[in-house]
Amino acid sequence: MAHVITEECIACGACISTCPVDAISEGEPYVIDAGTCTDCAACVDSCPVDAISAD
């Protein structure tokens, strides 16, 4: 199950730098590519506003 970034995203970029498979791209809010995401949850731990959750 891939993770999703919610509207609470502040576009700080913390999740992009922690994703080991480069599944996150910039946008409003940022977007996680479900086909690339390995469900490692590194992005969840890096988000300062808890804007990432399991889909």
PDB file of N, CA and C in Angstrom:
ATOM      1  N   MET A   1       0.844  -1.176   0.000  1.00  0.00           N
ATOM      2  CA  MET A   1       0.000   0.000   0.000  1.00  0.00           C
ATOM      3  C   MET A   1       0.894   1.244   0.000  1.00  0.00           C
ATOM      4  N   ALA A   2       0.728   2.085  -0.969  1.00  0.00           N
ATOM      5  CA  ALA A   2       1.525   3.304  -1.066  1.00  0.00           C
ATOM      6  C   ALA A   2       1.035   4.346  -0.075  1.00  0.00           C
ATOM      7  N   HIS A   3       1.889   5.278   0.228  1.00  0.00           N
ATOM      8  CA  HIS A   3       1.527   6.381   1.110  1.00  0.00           C
ATOM      9  C   HIS A   3       1.001   7.544   0.270  1.00  0.00           C
ATOM     10  N   VAL A   4       0.255   8.433   0.894  1.00  0.00           N
ATOM     11  CA  VAL A   4      -0.273   9.614   0.216  1.00  0.00           C
ATOM     12  C   VAL A   4       0.062  10.852   1.040  1.00  0.00           C
ATOM     13  N   ILE A   5       0.174  11.969   0.340  1.00  0.00           N
ATOM     14  CA  ILE A   5       0.446  13.241   0.989  1.00  0.00           C
ATOM     15  C   ILE A   5      -0.845  14.042   0.983  1.00  0.00           C
ATOM     16  N   THR A   6      -1.250  14.501   2.153  1.00  0.00           N
ATOM     17  CA  THR A   6      -2.516  15.208   2.305  1.00  0.00           C
ATOM     18  C   THR A   6      -2.362  16.709   2.069  1.00  0.00           C
ATOM     19  N   GLU A   7      -3.462  17.404   2.099  1.00  0.00           N
ATOM     20  CA  GLU A   7      -3.481  18.852   1.899  1.00  0.00           C
ATOM     21  C   GLU A   7      -2.720  19.618   2.979  1.00  0.00           C
ATOM     22  N   GLU A   8      -2.405  18.973   4.087  1.00  0.00           N
ATOM     23  CA  GLU A   8      -1.654  19.628   5.151  1.00  0.00           C
ATOM     24  C   GLU A   8      -0.188  19.864   4.774  1.00  0.00           C
ATOM     25  N   CYS A   9       0.231  19.314   3.649  1.00  0.00           N
ATOM     26  CA  CYS A   9       1.610  19.447   3.168  1.00  0.00           C
ATOM     27  C   CYS A   9       1.998  20.923   3.061  1.00  0.00           C
ATOM     28  N   ILE A  10       3.185  21.261   3.594  1.00  0.00           N
ATOM     29  CA  ILE A  10       3.691  22.630   3.531  1.00  0.00           C
ATOM     30  C   ILE A  10       4.809  22.759   2.493  1.00  0.00           C
ATOM     31  N   ALA A  11       5.021  21.731   1.694  1.00  0.00           N
ATOM     32  CA  ALA A  11       6.008  21.726   0.610  1.00  0.00           C
ATOM     33  C   ALA A  11       7.413  22.080   1.088  1.00  0.00           C
ATOM     34  N   CYS A  12       7.816  21.498   2.204  1.00  0.00           N
ATOM     35  CA  CYS A  12       9.138  21.799   2.766  1.00  0.00           C
ATOM     36  C   CYS A  12      10.256  20.988   2.101  1.00  0.00           C
ATOM     37  N   GLY A  13       9.908  19.862   1.477  1.00  0.00           N
ATOM     38  CA  GLY A  13      10.901  19.048   0.791  1.00  0.00           C
ATOM     39  C   GLY A  13      11.562  17.975   1.632  1.00  0.00           C
ATOM     40  N   ALA A  14      11.238  17.897   2.902  1.00  0.00           N
ATOM     41  CA  ALA A  14      11.872  16.902   3.772  1.00  0.00           C
ATOM     42  C   ALA A  14      11.629  15.484   3.283  1.00  0.00           C
ATOM     43  N   CYS A  15      10.442  15.205   2.794  1.00  0.00           N
ATOM     44  CA  CYS A  15      10.110  13.856   2.343  1.00  0.00           C
ATOM     45  C   CYS A  15      10.866  13.469   1.072  1.00  0.00           C
ATOM     46  N   ILE A  16      11.074  14.431   0.192  1.00  0.00           N
ATOM     47  CA  ILE A  16      11.772  14.145  -1.067  1.00  0.00           C
ATOM     48  C   ILE A  16      13.182  13.641  -0.791  1.00  0.00           C
ATOM     49  N   SER A  17      13.869  14.295   0.113  1.00  0.00           N
ATOM     50  CA  SER A  17      15.263  13.917   0.381  1.00  0.00           C
ATOM     51  C   SER A  17      15.386  12.599   1.140  1.00  0.00           C
ATOM     52  N   THR A  18      14.323  12.137   1.776  1.00  0.00           N
ATOM     53  CA  THR A  18      14.401  10.885   2.527  1.00  0.00           C
ATOM     54  C   THR A  18      13.896   9.674   1.754  1.00  0.00           C
ATOM     55  N   CYS A  19      13.217   9.892   0.634  1.00  0.00           N
ATOM     56  CA  CYS A  19      12.668   8.767  -0.132  1.00  0.00           C
ATOM     57  C   CYS A  19      13.788   8.031  -0.869  1.00  0.00           C
ATOM     58  N   PRO A  20      14.006   6.759  -0.538  1.00  0.00           N
ATOM     59  CA  PRO A  20      15.109   6.009  -1.153  1.00  0.00           C
ATOM     60  C   PRO A  20      14.865   5.610  -2.605  1.00  0.00           C
ATOM     61  N   VAL A  21      13.625   5.715  -3.091  1.00  0.00           N
ATOM     62  CA  VAL A  21      13.327   5.313  -4.468  1.00  0.00           C
ATOM     63  C   VAL A  21      12.824   6.478  -5.323  1.00  0.00           C
ATOM     64  N   ASP A  22      12.976   7.700  -4.837  1.00  0.00           N
ATOM     65  CA  ASP A  22      12.574   8.912  -5.564  1.00  0.00           C
ATOM     66  C   ASP A  22      11.133   8.854  -6.058  1.00  0.00           C
ATOM     67  N   ALA A  23      10.224   8.437  -5.184  1.00  0.00           N
ATOM     68  CA  ALA A  23       8.816   8.302  -5.553  1.00  0.00           C
ATOM     69  C   ALA A  23       8.009   9.580  -5.324  1.00  0.00           C
ATOM     70  N   ILE A  24       8.625  10.613  -4.766  1.00  0.00           N
ATOM     71  CA  ILE A  24       7.894  11.835  -4.423  1.00  0.00           C
ATOM     72  C   ILE A  24       8.275  12.955  -5.377  1.00  0.00           C
ATOM     73  N   SER A  25       7.248  13.654  -5.884  1.00  0.00           N
ATOM     74  CA  SER A  25       7.498  14.781  -6.769  1.00  0.00           C
ATOM     75  C   SER A  25       6.820  16.032  -6.218  1.00  0.00           C
ATOM     76  N   GLU A  26       7.364  17.182  -6.596  1.00  0.00           N
ATOM     77  CA  GLU A  26       6.836  18.447  -6.124  1.00  0.00           C
ATOM     78  C   GLU A  26       5.483  18.735  -6.752  1.00  0.00           C
ATOM     79  N   GLY A  27       4.663  19.465  -6.033  1.00  0.00           N
ATOM     80  CA  GLY A  27       3.340  19.860  -6.477  1.00  0.00           C
ATOM     81  C   GLY A  27       2.613  20.509  -5.326  1.00  0.00           C
ATOM     82  N   GLU A  28       1.358  20.727  -5.466  1.00  0.00           N
ATOM     83  CA  GLU A  28       0.535  21.315  -4.405  1.00  0.00           C
ATOM     84  C   GLU A  28      -0.616  20.398  -4.093  1.00  0.00           C
ATOM     85  N   PRO A  29      -0.588  19.510  -3.157  1.00  0.00           N
ATOM     86  CA  PRO A  29       0.582  19.149  -2.345  1.00  0.00           C
ATOM     87  C   PRO A  29       1.531  18.246  -3.132  1.00  0.00           C
ATOM     88  N   TYR A  30       2.635  17.889  -2.519  1.00  0.00           N
ATOM     89  CA  TYR A  30       3.554  16.947  -3.143  1.00  0.00           C
ATOM     90  C   TYR A  30       2.801  15.650  -3.436  1.00  0.00           C
ATOM     91  N   VAL A  31       3.337  14.846  -4.355  1.00  0.00           N
ATOM     92  CA  VAL A  31       2.660  13.621  -4.784  1.00  0.00           C
ATOM     93  C   VAL A  31       3.602  12.433  -4.667  1.00  0.00           C
ATOM     94  N   ILE A  32       3.079  11.307  -4.193  1.00  0.00           N
ATOM     95  CA  ILE A  32       3.845  10.063  -4.123  1.00  0.00           C
ATOM     96  C   ILE A  32       3.359   9.144  -5.230  1.00  0.00           C
ATOM     97  N   ASP A  33       4.272   8.678  -6.081  1.00  0.00           N
ATOM     98  CA  ASP A  33       3.935   7.743  -7.156  1.00  0.00           C
ATOM     99  C   ASP A  33       3.699   6.361  -6.545  1.00  0.00           C
ATOM    100  N   ALA A  34       2.457   5.918  -6.569  1.00  0.00           N
ATOM    101  CA  ALA A  34       2.086   4.636  -5.954  1.00  0.00           C
ATOM    102  C   ALA A  34       2.802   3.452  -6.591  1.00  0.00           C
ATOM    103  N   GLY A  35       3.129   3.554  -7.856  1.00  0.00           N
ATOM    104  CA  GLY A  35       3.819   2.469  -8.541  1.00  0.00           C
ATOM    105  C   GLY A  35       5.286   2.355  -8.166  1.00  0.00           C
ATOM    106  N   THR A  36       5.858   3.431  -7.691  1.00  0.00           N
ATOM    107  CA  THR A  36       7.265   3.451  -7.311  1.00  0.00           C
ATOM    108  C   THR A  36       7.462   3.266  -5.809  1.00  0.00           C
ATOM    109  N   CYS A  37       6.522   3.749  -5.024  1.00  0.00           N
ATOM    110  CA  CYS A  37       6.602   3.684  -3.556  1.00  0.00           C
ATOM    111  C   CYS A  37       6.748   2.240  -3.077  1.00  0.00           C
ATOM    112  N   THR A  38       7.716   2.014  -2.179  1.00  0.00           N
ATOM    113  CA  THR A  38       7.955   0.675  -1.630  1.00  0.00           C
ATOM    114  C   THR A  38       7.366   0.514  -0.236  1.00  0.00           C
ATOM    115  N   ASP A  39       6.632   1.521   0.228  1.00  0.00           N
ATOM    116  CA  ASP A  39       5.975   1.485   1.533  1.00  0.00           C
ATOM    117  C   ASP A  39       6.972   1.384   2.688  1.00  0.00           C
ATOM    118  N   CYS A  40       8.118   2.029   2.535  1.00  0.00           N
ATOM    119  CA  CYS A  40       9.139   1.971   3.593  1.00  0.00           C
ATOM    120  C   CYS A  40       8.827   2.913   4.752  1.00  0.00           C
ATOM    121  N   ALA A  41       8.002   3.927   4.515  1.00  0.00           N
ATOM    122  CA  ALA A  41       7.568   4.909   5.510  1.00  0.00           C
ATOM    123  C   ALA A  41       8.644   5.898   5.949  1.00  0.00           C
ATOM    124  N   ALA A  42       9.744   5.981   5.240  1.00  0.00           N
ATOM    125  CA  ALA A  42      10.771   6.964   5.582  1.00  0.00           C
ATOM    126  C   ALA A  42      10.210   8.379   5.494  1.00  0.00           C
ATOM    127  N   CYS A  43       9.340   8.608   4.527  1.00  0.00           N
ATOM    128  CA  CYS A  43       8.742   9.933   4.356  1.00  0.00           C
ATOM    129  C   CYS A  43       7.830  10.300   5.521  1.00  0.00           C
ATOM    130  N   VAL A  44       7.129   9.324   6.052  1.00  0.00           N
ATOM    131  CA  VAL A  44       6.216   9.573   7.176  1.00  0.00           C
ATOM    132  C   VAL A  44       6.994  10.120   8.361  1.00  0.00           C
ATOM    133  N   ASP A  45       8.113   9.500   8.656  1.00  0.00           N
ATOM    134  CA  ASP A  45       8.941   9.917   9.789  1.00  0.00           C
ATOM    135  C   ASP A  45       9.596  11.283   9.574  1.00  0.00           C
ATOM    136  N   SER A  46       9.799  11.671   8.308  1.00  0.00           N
ATOM    137  CA  SER A  46      10.485  12.928   8.025  1.00  0.00           C
ATOM    138  C   SER A  46       9.555  14.130   7.958  1.00  0.00           C
ATOM    139  N   CYS A  47       8.264  13.921   7.832  1.00  0.00           N
ATOM    140  CA  CYS A  47       7.319  15.029   7.653  1.00  0.00           C
ATOM    141  C   CYS A  47       7.085  15.781   8.974  1.00  0.00           C
ATOM    142  N   PRO A  48       7.408  17.091   8.991  1.00  0.00           N
ATOM    143  CA  PRO A  48       7.252  17.853  10.237  1.00  0.00           C
ATOM    144  C   PRO A  48       5.809  18.203  10.592  1.00  0.00           C
ATOM    145  N   VAL A  49       4.877  18.022   9.644  1.00  0.00           N
ATOM    146  CA  VAL A  49       3.465  18.366   9.912  1.00  0.00           C
ATOM    147  C   VAL A  49       2.539  17.163   9.815  1.00  0.00           C
ATOM    148  N   ASP A  50       3.105  15.964   9.799  1.00  0.00           N
ATOM    149  CA  ASP A  50       2.318  14.729   9.729  1.00  0.00           C
ATOM    150  C   ASP A  50       1.327  14.721   8.572  1.00  0.00           C
ATOM    151  N   ALA A  51       1.788  15.130   7.382  1.00  0.00           N
ATOM    152  CA  ALA A  51       0.918  15.216   6.211  1.00  0.00           C
ATOM    153  C   ALA A  51       0.975  13.973   5.330  1.00  0.00           C
ATOM    154  N   ILE A  52       1.647  12.922   5.785  1.00  0.00           N
ATOM    155  CA  ILE A  52       1.767  11.700   4.982  1.00  0.00           C
ATOM    156  C   ILE A  52       1.159  10.535   5.750  1.00  0.00           C
ATOM    157  N   SER A  53       0.315   9.785   5.041  1.00  0.00           N
ATOM    158  CA  SER A  53      -0.331   8.644   5.684  1.00  0.00           C
ATOM    159  C   SER A  53      -0.435   7.483   4.698  1.00  0.00           C
ATOM    160  N   ALA A  54      -0.728   6.303   5.225  1.00  0.00           N
ATOM    161  CA  ALA A  54      -0.924   5.131   4.370  1.00  0.00           C
ATOM    162  C   ALA A  54      -2.260   5.277   3.656  1.00  0.00           C
ATOM    163  N   ASP A  55      -2.269   4.927   2.390  1.00  0.00           N
ATOM    164  CA  ASP A  55      -3.490   5.029   1.591  1.00  0.00           C
ATOM    165  C   ASP A  55      -4.422   3.885   1.883  1.00  0.00           C
TER     166      ASP A  55
END
